[in-house]
N, C-alpha and C. Protein backbone atom coordinates (compact mmCIF):
# COMPACT_ATOMS: atom_id res chain seq x y z
N UNK A 1 -7.79 10.58 4.85
CA UNK A 1 -7.19 9.51 6.22
C UNK A 1 -7.76 11.03 7.09
N UNK A 2 -8.05 10.18 8.04
CA UNK A 2 -8.14 11.18 9.52
C UNK A 2 -6.79 12.01 9.93
N UNK A 3 -6.98 12.72 10.41
CA UNK A 3 -6.14 13.52 10.96
C UNK A 3 -4.93 13.06 12.27
N UNK A 4 -5.78 12.26 12.69
CA UNK A 4 -4.80 11.68 14.24
C UNK A 4 -3.71 10.34 13.14
N UNK A 5 -4.56 9.91 12.01
CA UNK A 5 -3.92 8.53 11.07
C UNK A 5 -2.68 8.93 10.74
N UNK A 6 -3.09 10.80 9.85
CA UNK A 6 -2.10 11.24 9.05
C UNK A 6 -0.70 11.65 10.20
N UNK A 7 -0.96 11.71 11.72
CA UNK A 7 0.23 12.03 12.84
C UNK A 7 0.57 10.89 12.96
N UNK A 8 0.08 10.28 12.85
CA UNK A 8 0.69 8.59 13.41
C UNK A 8 1.52 8.42 12.08
N UNK A 9 1.01 8.61 11.03
CA UNK A 9 1.75 8.22 9.95
C UNK A 9 3.28 8.22 9.68
N UNK A 10 3.10 9.76 10.00
CA UNK A 10 4.52 11.04 9.90
C UNK A 10 5.36 9.98 10.99
N UNK A 11 4.60 10.05 11.99
CA UNK A 11 5.68 9.70 13.05
C UNK A 11 6.24 8.05 13.07
N UNK A 12 5.42 7.23 12.13
CA UNK A 12 5.97 5.95 11.68
C UNK A 12 6.94 6.14 11.00
N UNK A 13 6.66 7.01 9.96
CA UNK A 13 8.05 6.62 8.85
C UNK A 13 9.43 7.31 9.80
N UNK A 14 9.16 8.31 10.46
CA UNK A 14 10.33 8.85 11.09
C UNK A 14 10.93 7.77 12.11
N UNK A 15 10.10 7.00 13.13
CA UNK A 15 10.87 6.08 13.70
C UNK A 15 11.25 5.24 13.05
N UNK A 16 10.41 4.37 11.76
CA UNK A 16 11.23 3.17 11.27
C UNK A 16 12.25 3.67 10.44
N UNK A 17 12.43 4.84 9.81
CA UNK A 17 13.92 5.35 9.13
C UNK A 17 14.60 5.30 10.27
N UNK A 18 15.23 5.73 11.60
CA UNK A 18 15.35 5.90 12.56
C UNK A 18 16.08 4.60 13.13
N UNK A 19 14.91 3.71 13.09
CA UNK A 19 15.18 2.15 13.57
C UNK A 19 16.35 1.71 12.65
N UNK A 20 16.47 2.37 11.10
CA UNK A 20 17.35 1.93 9.84
C UNK A 20 18.57 2.37 9.92
N UNK A 21 18.50 3.29 10.97
CA UNK A 21 20.02 4.35 10.84
C UNK A 21 20.24 4.75 9.42
N UNK A 22 18.87 5.04 8.81
CA UNK A 22 18.71 6.04 7.57
C UNK A 22 18.08 7.67 7.73
N UNK A 23 19.23 8.10 6.94
CA UNK A 23 19.21 9.71 7.05
C UNK A 23 17.81 10.26 6.47
N UNK A 24 17.61 11.05 6.40
CA UNK A 24 16.62 11.54 5.33
C UNK A 24 16.59 11.44 4.19
N UNK A 25 17.66 11.21 3.90
CA UNK A 25 19.31 11.86 2.20
C UNK A 25 18.68 10.20 1.67
N UNK A 26 18.81 9.30 2.77
CA UNK A 26 19.17 8.34 2.46
C UNK A 26 17.90 7.53 2.07
N UNK A 27 16.84 7.89 2.73
CA UNK A 27 15.72 7.07 2.42
C UNK A 27 15.16 7.79 1.17
N UNK A 28 15.47 9.26 1.08
CA UNK A 28 14.92 9.55 -0.23
C UNK A 28 15.83 8.67 -1.65
N UNK A 29 17.53 8.52 -1.41
CA UNK A 29 17.84 7.90 -2.49
C UNK A 29 17.34 6.49 -2.59
N UNK A 30 16.72 5.91 -1.40
CA UNK A 30 16.72 4.43 -1.87
C UNK A 30 15.44 4.06 -2.70
N UNK A 31 14.57 5.42 -2.03
CA UNK A 31 13.10 5.07 -2.69
C UNK A 31 12.79 5.83 -4.02
N UNK A 32 13.52 7.11 -3.96
CA UNK A 32 13.69 7.35 -5.33
C UNK A 32 12.19 8.95 -5.18
N UNK A 33 12.29 9.52 -3.98
CA UNK A 33 11.30 9.98 -3.58
C UNK A 33 12.26 11.36 -2.52
N UNK A 34 12.06 12.33 -3.54
CA UNK A 34 13.18 13.75 -3.10
C UNK A 34 13.04 13.90 -1.61
N UNK A 35 14.11 14.46 -1.43
CA UNK A 35 14.55 14.25 0.27
C UNK A 35 13.33 15.57 0.56
N UNK A 36 12.82 16.52 0.19
CA UNK A 36 11.99 17.66 0.55
C UNK A 36 10.93 16.33 0.63
N UNK A 37 10.20 15.95 -0.24
CA UNK A 37 9.08 15.22 0.22
C UNK A 37 9.00 14.24 1.32
N UNK A 38 10.50 13.82 1.69
CA UNK A 38 10.38 12.48 2.77
C UNK A 38 9.80 13.72 3.74
N UNK A 39 10.84 14.58 3.97
CA UNK A 39 10.72 15.55 5.00
C UNK A 39 9.70 16.07 5.25
N UNK A 40 8.84 16.21 4.21
CA UNK A 40 7.13 17.44 4.34
C UNK A 40 6.21 16.01 4.82
N UNK A 41 6.26 14.67 4.39
CA UNK A 41 5.73 13.64 4.51
C UNK A 41 6.10 13.41 6.33
N UNK A 42 7.09 13.39 6.46
CA UNK A 42 7.64 12.95 8.28
C UNK A 42 6.96 13.81 8.97
N UNK A 43 6.86 15.12 9.00
CA UNK A 43 6.48 16.81 9.21
C UNK A 43 4.77 16.56 9.21
N UNK A 44 4.43 15.93 8.92
CA UNK A 44 3.42 15.88 8.28
C UNK A 44 2.21 17.57 7.47
N UNK A 45 2.95 17.42 6.96
CA UNK A 45 2.54 19.06 6.00
C UNK A 45 2.20 18.20 4.99
N UNK A 46 2.05 17.30 4.48
CA UNK A 46 1.40 16.61 3.08
C UNK A 46 1.10 15.57 2.88
N UNK A 47 -0.18 14.86 2.65
CA UNK A 47 -0.66 13.51 2.66
C UNK A 47 -0.26 12.51 1.41
N UNK A 48 0.77 11.93 1.79
CA UNK A 48 1.29 11.07 1.05
C UNK A 48 0.20 10.19 -0.14
N UNK A 49 0.84 10.09 -1.33
CA UNK A 49 -0.10 9.29 -2.26
C UNK A 49 0.13 7.83 -2.15
N UNK A 50 -0.57 7.04 -2.56
CA UNK A 50 -0.68 5.49 -2.05
C UNK A 50 0.89 5.05 -3.33
N UNK A 51 1.00 5.76 -4.00
CA UNK A 51 2.61 5.67 -4.68
C UNK A 51 3.64 5.84 -4.27
N UNK A 52 3.48 7.26 -3.43
CA UNK A 52 4.63 7.53 -2.46
C UNK A 52 4.42 6.23 -1.04
N UNK A 53 3.46 6.27 -0.76
CA UNK A 53 3.60 5.36 0.36
C UNK A 53 4.54 3.44 -0.23
N UNK A 54 3.78 3.48 -1.05
CA UNK A 54 4.67 2.21 -1.63
C UNK A 54 6.02 2.22 -1.58
N UNK A 55 6.68 3.50 -2.24
CA UNK A 55 7.63 3.67 -2.58
C UNK A 55 8.76 3.63 -1.52
N UNK A 56 8.13 4.46 -0.83
CA UNK A 56 8.86 4.79 0.68
C UNK A 56 9.17 3.20 1.59
N UNK A 57 7.60 2.45 1.91
CA UNK A 57 7.57 1.28 2.58
C UNK A 57 8.47 0.33 2.20
N UNK A 58 8.71 0.19 0.57
CA UNK A 58 9.82 -0.95 -0.10
C UNK A 58 10.89 -0.15 0.30
N UNK A 59 11.26 1.19 0.44
CA UNK A 59 12.35 1.37 0.81
C UNK A 59 13.14 0.93 2.24
N UNK A 60 11.99 0.75 2.70
CA UNK A 60 12.15 0.50 4.52
C UNK A 60 11.77 -1.18 4.44
N UNK A 61 11.81 -1.92 3.72
CA UNK A 61 11.76 -3.17 3.54
C UNK A 61 10.19 -3.79 4.22
N UNK A 62 9.53 -3.22 4.11
CA UNK A 62 8.15 -3.33 4.70
C UNK A 62 6.95 -3.27 3.65
N UNK A 63 5.88 -3.56 3.86
CA UNK A 63 4.80 -3.27 3.21
C UNK A 63 3.88 -2.03 3.41
N UNK A 64 3.54 -1.93 2.46
CA UNK A 64 2.43 -0.71 2.35
C UNK A 64 1.27 -0.93 3.98
N UNK A 65 1.11 -2.31 3.61
CA UNK A 65 0.31 -2.85 5.20
C UNK A 65 0.63 -2.53 6.40
N UNK A 66 1.78 -2.82 6.14
CA UNK A 66 2.55 -2.78 7.73
C UNK A 66 2.81 -1.78 7.97
N UNK A 67 2.83 -0.51 7.10
CA UNK A 67 3.43 0.43 7.36
C UNK A 67 2.09 1.28 7.96
N UNK A 68 0.89 1.17 7.03
CA UNK A 68 -0.71 1.83 7.57
C UNK A 68 -0.78 1.35 8.88
N UNK A 69 -0.90 -0.26 9.32
CA UNK A 69 -0.96 -0.67 10.78
C UNK A 69 0.08 -0.47 11.34
N UNK A 70 1.12 -0.25 11.16
CA UNK A 70 2.01 0.38 12.68
C UNK A 70 1.81 1.62 13.04
N UNK A 71 1.46 2.38 11.59
CA UNK A 71 0.97 3.91 12.44
C UNK A 71 -0.61 3.72 13.15
N UNK A 72 -1.22 2.72 12.93
CA UNK A 72 -2.85 2.88 13.36
C UNK A 72 -2.80 2.03 14.58
N UNK A 73 -1.96 0.94 14.68
CA UNK A 73 -2.68 -0.25 15.79
C UNK A 73 -1.10 -0.89 16.27
N UNK A 74 -1.59 -1.58 17.58
CA UNK A 74 -0.61 -3.04 18.18
C UNK A 74 -0.85 -4.06 17.46
N UNK A 75 0.11 -5.13 17.92
CA UNK A 75 -0.72 -6.37 17.65
C UNK A 75 -1.65 -6.92 18.38
N UNK A 76 -2.57 -7.42 17.62
CA UNK A 76 -3.38 -8.10 18.10
C UNK A 76 -4.39 -9.40 17.19
N UNK A 77 -5.12 -10.07 18.20
CA UNK A 77 -5.49 -11.01 17.13
C UNK A 77 -6.73 -11.17 16.54
N UNK A 78 -7.96 -10.18 17.05
CA UNK A 78 -9.00 -9.76 16.42
C UNK A 78 -9.20 -8.40 16.35
N UNK A 79 -9.48 -7.91 15.31
CA UNK A 79 -9.76 -6.45 15.24
C UNK A 79 -10.87 -6.26 14.48
N UNK A 80 -11.87 -5.16 15.01
CA UNK A 80 -13.19 -5.35 14.24
C UNK A 80 -12.98 -4.13 13.35
N UNK A 81 -14.23 -4.49 12.30
CA UNK A 81 -14.20 -3.50 11.21
C UNK A 81 -14.42 -2.02 11.75
N UNK A 82 -14.57 -1.72 12.71
CA UNK A 82 -14.80 0.06 12.83
C UNK A 82 -13.19 0.05 13.66
N UNK A 83 -12.07 -0.58 14.21
CA UNK A 83 -10.87 -0.51 14.24
C UNK A 83 -9.81 -0.45 13.47
N UNK A 84 -10.37 -1.21 12.13
CA UNK A 84 -9.37 -1.77 11.07
C UNK A 84 -8.95 -0.63 10.28
N UNK A 85 -7.62 -0.27 10.01
CA UNK A 85 -7.42 1.26 9.10
C UNK A 85 -7.69 1.56 8.29
N UNK A 86 -8.11 2.41 7.85
CA UNK A 86 -8.70 3.04 6.50
C UNK A 86 -8.01 3.96 5.96
N UNK A 87 -7.09 3.90 4.61
CA UNK A 87 -6.37 5.00 4.19
C UNK A 87 -6.87 5.35 3.13
N UNK A 88 -6.70 6.51 2.27
CA UNK A 88 -7.57 7.29 1.08
C UNK A 88 -6.18 8.08 0.43
N UNK A 89 -6.08 7.77 -0.84
CA UNK A 89 -5.06 7.89 -1.41
C UNK A 89 -5.56 9.51 -1.82
N UNK A 90 -4.97 10.43 -1.30
CA UNK A 90 -5.40 11.93 -1.65
C UNK A 90 -5.84 12.15 -3.33
N UNK A 91 -4.57 11.86 -3.91
CA UNK A 91 -4.51 11.98 -5.68
C UNK A 91 -5.53 11.40 -6.03
N UNK A 92 -5.63 9.99 -5.57
CA UNK A 92 -7.10 9.42 -6.72
C UNK A 92 -7.85 9.19 -5.78
N UNK A 93 -8.27 8.89 -4.51
CA UNK A 93 -10.35 8.25 -4.13
C UNK A 93 -9.39 6.66 -3.74
N UNK A 94 -8.35 6.01 -3.79
CA UNK A 94 -8.06 4.54 -3.88
C UNK A 94 -8.18 4.76 -2.06
N UNK A 95 -9.00 3.48 -1.80
CA UNK A 95 -9.52 3.83 -0.45
C UNK A 95 -8.68 1.87 0.23
N UNK A 96 -7.97 1.90 0.96
CA UNK A 96 -7.58 0.54 1.25
C UNK A 96 -7.48 0.37 3.05
N UNK A 97 -8.09 -0.96 2.89
CA UNK A 97 -8.79 -1.23 4.67
C UNK A 97 -7.57 -2.34 5.19
N UNK A 98 -6.93 -1.90 6.11
CA UNK A 98 -6.20 -3.33 6.63
C UNK A 98 -6.88 -4.09 6.97
N UNK A 99 -7.34 -5.52 6.50
CA UNK A 99 -8.57 -6.32 7.56
C UNK A 99 -7.63 -7.02 8.05
N UNK A 100 -6.23 -7.63 8.21
CA UNK A 100 -5.72 -8.37 8.91
C UNK A 100 -5.42 -7.68 10.94
N UNK A 101 -5.78 -8.51 11.21
CA UNK A 101 -5.74 -8.59 12.93
C UNK A 101 -4.36 -7.63 13.50
N UNK A 102 -3.07 -8.63 12.59
CA UNK A 102 -1.49 -8.27 12.81
C UNK A 102 -0.95 -8.14 11.30
N UNK A 103 -0.02 -6.91 11.61
CA UNK A 103 0.55 -6.70 10.44
C UNK A 103 1.92 -7.41 10.55
N UNK A 104 2.93 -7.61 9.62
CA UNK A 104 4.30 -8.27 9.72
C UNK A 104 4.38 -9.96 9.63
N UNK A 105 2.33 -10.34 10.03
CA UNK A 105 2.78 -11.71 9.85
C UNK A 105 2.78 -12.65 8.19
N UNK A 106 2.29 -13.71 8.39
CA UNK A 106 2.38 -14.12 7.25
C UNK A 106 1.60 -14.09 5.89
N UNK A 107 0.40 -13.77 6.31
CA UNK A 107 -0.60 -13.24 5.42
C UNK A 107 -1.08 -11.63 6.12
N UNK A 108 -1.16 -11.24 5.37
CA UNK A 108 -1.93 -9.89 5.37
C UNK A 108 -3.09 -9.71 4.70
N UNK A 109 -4.25 -9.55 4.70
CA UNK A 109 -5.63 -9.28 4.01
C UNK A 109 -6.03 -7.65 3.92
N UNK A 110 -5.70 -7.20 2.72
CA UNK A 110 -6.17 -5.79 2.31
C UNK A 110 -7.36 -5.48 1.35
N UNK A 111 -8.54 -4.84 1.63
CA UNK A 111 -9.65 -4.52 1.06
C UNK A 111 -9.36 -3.47 0.39
N UNK A 112 -9.85 -3.20 -0.73
CA UNK A 112 -9.37 -1.94 -1.73
C UNK A 112 -10.52 -1.67 -2.19
N UNK A 113 -10.75 -0.12 -2.12
CA UNK A 113 -12.23 0.34 -3.14
C UNK A 113 -11.41 1.54 -4.32
N UNK A 114 -10.94 1.16 -5.90
CA UNK A 114 -10.59 1.76 -6.37
C UNK A 114 -11.90 2.54 -7.54
N UNK A 115 -11.74 3.90 -7.26
CA UNK A 115 -13.27 4.81 -8.62
C UNK A 115 -12.94 4.74 -9.02
N UNK A 116 -13.81 4.69 -10.48
CA UNK A 116 -14.01 4.41 -11.86
C UNK A 116 -12.89 5.30 -12.63
N UNK A 117 -11.83 4.53 -12.78
CA UNK A 117 -10.88 5.77 -14.22
C UNK A 117 -9.86 6.03 -13.05
N UNK A 118 -9.68 5.80 -12.41
CA UNK A 118 -8.60 5.70 -11.35
C UNK A 118 -7.41 4.73 -11.56
N UNK A 119 -6.17 5.18 -10.92
CA UNK A 119 -4.65 4.45 -11.57
C UNK A 119 -4.35 4.68 -10.78
N UNK A 120 -3.38 3.40 -9.85
CA UNK A 120 -2.42 3.54 -8.88
C UNK A 120 -1.56 2.67 -9.37
N UNK A 121 -0.13 3.58 -9.27
CA UNK A 121 1.18 2.27 -9.79
C UNK A 121 1.65 2.25 -8.53
N UNK A 122 2.47 1.35 -8.75
CA UNK A 122 3.79 0.98 -7.53
C UNK A 122 5.18 0.41 -8.33
N UNK A 123 5.70 0.72 -7.87
CA UNK A 123 7.26 0.06 -8.69
C UNK A 123 8.06 -1.49 -8.30
N UNK A 124 8.41 -1.81 -8.69
CA UNK A 124 8.75 -3.70 -8.32
C UNK A 124 9.26 -3.38 -7.30
N UNK A 125 10.14 -2.57 -6.49
CA UNK A 125 10.44 -2.39 -5.56
C UNK A 125 9.64 -3.42 -4.26
N UNK A 126 8.46 -2.36 -4.20
CA UNK A 126 7.15 -2.51 -3.56
C UNK A 126 6.66 -4.06 -3.56
N UNK A 127 7.04 -4.65 -4.38
CA UNK A 127 6.75 -6.17 -4.47
C UNK A 127 8.32 -7.18 -4.71
N UNK A 128 9.22 -7.02 -4.15
CA UNK A 128 10.58 -7.19 -4.11
C UNK A 128 10.51 -8.25 -3.05
N UNK A 129 9.87 -8.29 -2.03
CA UNK A 129 9.94 -9.55 -0.65
C UNK A 129 8.72 -9.85 -0.55
N UNK A 130 7.36 -9.13 -1.39
CA UNK A 130 6.11 -10.01 -1.01
C UNK A 130 5.52 -11.07 -2.07
N UNK A 131 4.12 -11.50 -2.28
CA UNK A 131 3.79 -12.59 -2.82
C UNK A 131 2.70 -11.74 -2.69
N UNK A 132 1.47 -11.44 -4.23
CA UNK A 132 0.10 -11.16 -3.90
C UNK A 132 -0.79 -11.91 -4.82
N UNK A 133 -2.10 -12.15 -3.98
CA UNK A 133 -3.16 -12.97 -5.10
C UNK A 133 -4.27 -11.72 -4.98
N UNK A 134 -4.88 -11.08 -5.98
CA UNK A 134 -5.45 -10.53 -6.42
C UNK A 134 -6.78 -10.52 -6.85
N UNK A 135 -8.35 -10.91 -5.61
CA UNK A 135 -9.40 -10.95 -5.82
C UNK A 135 -10.41 -10.18 -6.11
N UNK A 136 -10.74 -9.99 -7.24
CA UNK A 136 -11.88 -8.73 -7.55
C UNK A 136 -13.46 -9.25 -6.62
N UNK A 137 -14.03 -8.62 -6.41
CA UNK A 137 -15.01 -8.67 -5.47
C UNK A 137 -16.37 -8.01 -6.38
N UNK A 138 -16.32 -6.77 -6.65
CA UNK A 138 -16.92 -6.27 -7.50
C UNK A 138 -16.46 -4.95 -8.39
N UNK A 139 -17.05 -5.23 -9.84
CA UNK A 139 -16.53 -4.23 -10.73
C UNK A 139 -15.37 -4.51 -11.17
N UNK A 140 -14.35 -4.46 -12.35
CA UNK A 140 -13.78 -4.30 -13.31
C UNK A 140 -12.20 -3.81 -12.54
N UNK A 141 -11.31 -4.71 -13.11
CA UNK A 141 -10.04 -3.87 -13.23
C UNK A 141 -9.11 -4.50 -13.57
N UNK A 142 -8.31 -3.48 -14.44
CA UNK A 142 -6.97 -3.92 -15.27
C UNK A 142 -5.35 -3.65 -14.47
N UNK A 143 -5.22 -4.56 -14.31
CA UNK A 143 -3.80 -4.74 -13.55
C UNK A 143 -2.59 -5.40 -14.04
N UNK A 144 -1.78 -4.29 -14.37
CA UNK A 144 -0.80 -3.95 -15.14
C UNK A 144 0.22 -4.44 -14.84
N UNK A 145 1.12 -5.83 -15.12
CA UNK A 145 2.15 -6.07 -14.40
C UNK A 145 3.44 -6.36 -15.28
N UNK A 146 4.27 -5.07 -15.21
CA UNK A 146 4.79 -4.97 -16.65
C UNK A 146 4.90 -4.67 -17.70
N UNK A 147 4.91 -5.38 -19.00
CA UNK A 147 4.24 -5.32 -20.08
C UNK A 147 3.15 -5.89 -19.87
N UNK A 148 2.58 -6.72 -19.22
CA UNK A 148 1.32 -7.34 -19.71
C UNK A 148 0.63 -6.78 -18.65
N UNK A 149 -0.56 -7.03 -19.09
CA UNK A 149 -2.15 -6.49 -18.59
C UNK A 149 -3.10 -7.68 -18.72
N UNK A 150 -3.93 -7.69 -17.50
CA UNK A 150 -4.57 -8.87 -16.95
C UNK A 150 -5.86 -7.53 -16.92
N UNK A 151 -7.05 -8.09 -17.64
CA UNK A 151 -8.30 -7.61 -17.39
C UNK A 151 -9.00 -8.74 -16.42
N UNK A 152 -9.49 -7.99 -15.19
CA UNK A 152 -10.31 -8.86 -13.94
C UNK A 152 -11.44 -8.80 -13.74
N UNK A 153 -12.54 -9.40 -13.91
CA UNK A 153 -13.90 -8.87 -13.25
C UNK A 153 -14.16 -9.53 -12.09
N UNK A 154 -15.69 -9.18 -11.62
CA UNK A 154 -15.80 -10.06 -10.22
C UNK A 154 -15.87 -11.84 -10.15
N UNK A 155 -14.81 -11.90 -8.86
CA UNK A 155 -14.54 -12.79 -8.62
C UNK A 155 -13.53 -14.00 -9.33
N UNK A 156 -12.87 -13.35 -10.17
CA UNK A 156 -11.79 -13.44 -10.91
C UNK A 156 -10.02 -13.34 -9.85
N UNK A 157 -9.04 -14.27 -10.28
CA UNK A 157 -8.58 -13.86 -8.68
C UNK A 157 -6.94 -14.18 -9.76
N UNK A 158 -5.90 -13.44 -9.06
CA UNK A 158 -4.66 -13.54 -9.84
C UNK A 158 -3.49 -13.92 -9.51
N UNK A 159 -3.17 -14.24 -9.22
CA UNK A 159 -1.61 -14.92 -8.77
C UNK A 159 -0.40 -13.92 -9.63
N UNK A 160 0.22 -12.81 -8.54
CA UNK A 160 1.10 -11.84 -9.40
C UNK A 160 2.38 -12.81 -9.19
N UNK A 161 3.26 -12.23 -10.52
CA UNK A 161 4.59 -13.11 -10.75
C UNK A 161 5.71 -12.45 -10.30
N UNK A 162 6.94 -12.35 -10.70
CA UNK A 162 8.20 -11.79 -10.43
C UNK A 162 7.91 -10.52 -10.19
N UNK A 163 8.48 -9.67 -9.18
CA UNK A 163 8.59 -8.22 -8.87
C UNK A 163 8.57 -7.36 -10.20
N UNK A 164 7.73 -6.80 -10.60
CA UNK A 164 7.69 -6.06 -11.86
C UNK A 164 6.87 -4.47 -11.44
N UNK A 165 7.18 -3.61 -12.39
CA UNK A 165 6.42 -1.85 -11.88
C UNK A 165 4.62 -2.62 -11.99
N UNK A 166 3.69 -2.45 -11.33
CA UNK A 166 2.52 -2.44 -11.03
C UNK A 166 1.21 -1.40 -11.28
N UNK A 167 0.29 -1.72 -12.05
CA UNK A 167 -0.52 -0.68 -11.92
C UNK A 167 -1.58 -0.76 -12.11
N UNK A 168 -2.46 -0.50 -10.90
CA UNK A 168 -3.92 -1.08 -10.85
C UNK A 168 -5.16 0.17 -11.64
N UNK A 169 -5.82 -0.17 -12.41
CA UNK A 169 -6.37 0.54 -12.99
C UNK A 169 -7.75 0.01 -13.12
N UNK A 170 -8.88 1.25 -12.92
CA UNK A 170 -10.16 1.10 -12.80
C UNK A 170 -11.02 0.61 -14.01
N UNK A 171 -10.83 0.74 -15.15
CA UNK A 171 -11.80 1.24 -16.85
C UNK A 171 -13.14 1.08 -16.60
N UNK A 172 -13.71 1.04 -15.83
CA UNK A 172 -15.37 0.87 -15.51
C UNK A 172 -15.69 2.39 -14.92
N UNK A 173 -17.27 2.31 -15.32
CA UNK A 173 -17.85 3.49 -14.46
C UNK A 173 -18.25 3.20 -13.55
N UNK A 174 -17.97 2.37 -12.44
CA UNK A 174 -18.43 2.32 -11.11
C UNK A 174 -17.20 1.55 -10.54
N UNK A 175 -17.26 2.00 -9.00
CA UNK A 175 -16.25 1.40 -8.37
C UNK A 175 -15.94 -0.30 -8.61
N UNK A 176 -14.35 -0.44 -7.99
CA UNK A 176 -13.89 -1.40 -8.23
C UNK A 176 -13.53 -2.13 -6.84
N UNK A 177 -14.00 -3.31 -6.13
CA UNK A 177 -13.50 -3.78 -4.99
C UNK A 177 -12.67 -4.68 -5.03
N UNK A 178 -11.73 -4.81 -4.50
CA UNK A 178 -10.64 -6.29 -4.94
C UNK A 178 -10.35 -6.47 -2.97
N UNK A 179 -9.88 -7.63 -3.01
CA UNK A 179 -9.17 -7.81 -2.04
C UNK A 179 -8.17 -8.78 -2.42
N UNK A 180 -7.20 -8.29 -1.43
CA UNK A 180 -5.04 -8.23 -1.80
C UNK A 180 -4.77 -9.54 -0.67
N UNK A 181 -4.21 -10.74 -1.02
CA UNK A 181 -3.65 -11.50 -0.07
C UNK A 181 -2.44 -11.37 0.08
N UNK A 182 -1.28 -10.72 0.87
CA UNK A 182 -0.16 -10.86 0.96
C UNK A 182 0.87 -11.15 1.88
N UNK A 183 1.64 -12.19 1.15
CA UNK A 183 2.86 -13.27 1.58
C UNK A 183 3.93 -12.55 1.67
N UNK A 184 4.71 -13.20 2.67
CA UNK A 184 6.40 -12.79 2.44
C UNK A 184 6.81 -14.00 1.21
N UNK A 185 8.10 -13.28 0.55
CA UNK A 185 8.19 -14.42 -0.44
C UNK A 185 9.45 -14.55 0.12
N UNK A 186 9.56 -15.97 0.18
CA UNK A 186 10.76 -17.00 0.79
C UNK A 186 11.91 -16.18 0.19
N UNK A 187 13.04 -16.76 1.34
CA UNK A 187 14.15 -15.69 1.03
C UNK A 187 15.22 -16.35 0.29
């Protein structure tokens, strides 16, 4: 992640937490992330992992895409590839590109590159208000949804079920590239 995006992400988390009237301790309780880690992320002392950002964004009631896009850019209808925010998980090398021009709309598209052997987990809360479809473009992906494991290859598309803890795993020897289409669940 670029230094500019790290600073913007820290500032965005602070702003979103304050906008919701949450203290750092309240965000920590809601997300299951320690108060000290929330503080370190908000101060820009650490680069959070995808799993941590997923937990924090869920606790704030937004998607991970919305969090990253909010940190990177404002609302617009066209965003060129070079302007699309890219974030890399420092722990796994998982890289996500926010493809959609605007966050918070009815549909968000996210391109993900998952290195060989990498695993990225998200809590059920990260899926509480969204619906996902995962389309594998290259490589192999094992997607664990609760107790169910789905083996996906290039061209396969999976619609996620009810919110459950999920894990993305690349069991192959080469990078897996997939697209995630995210929509908000009906209230």
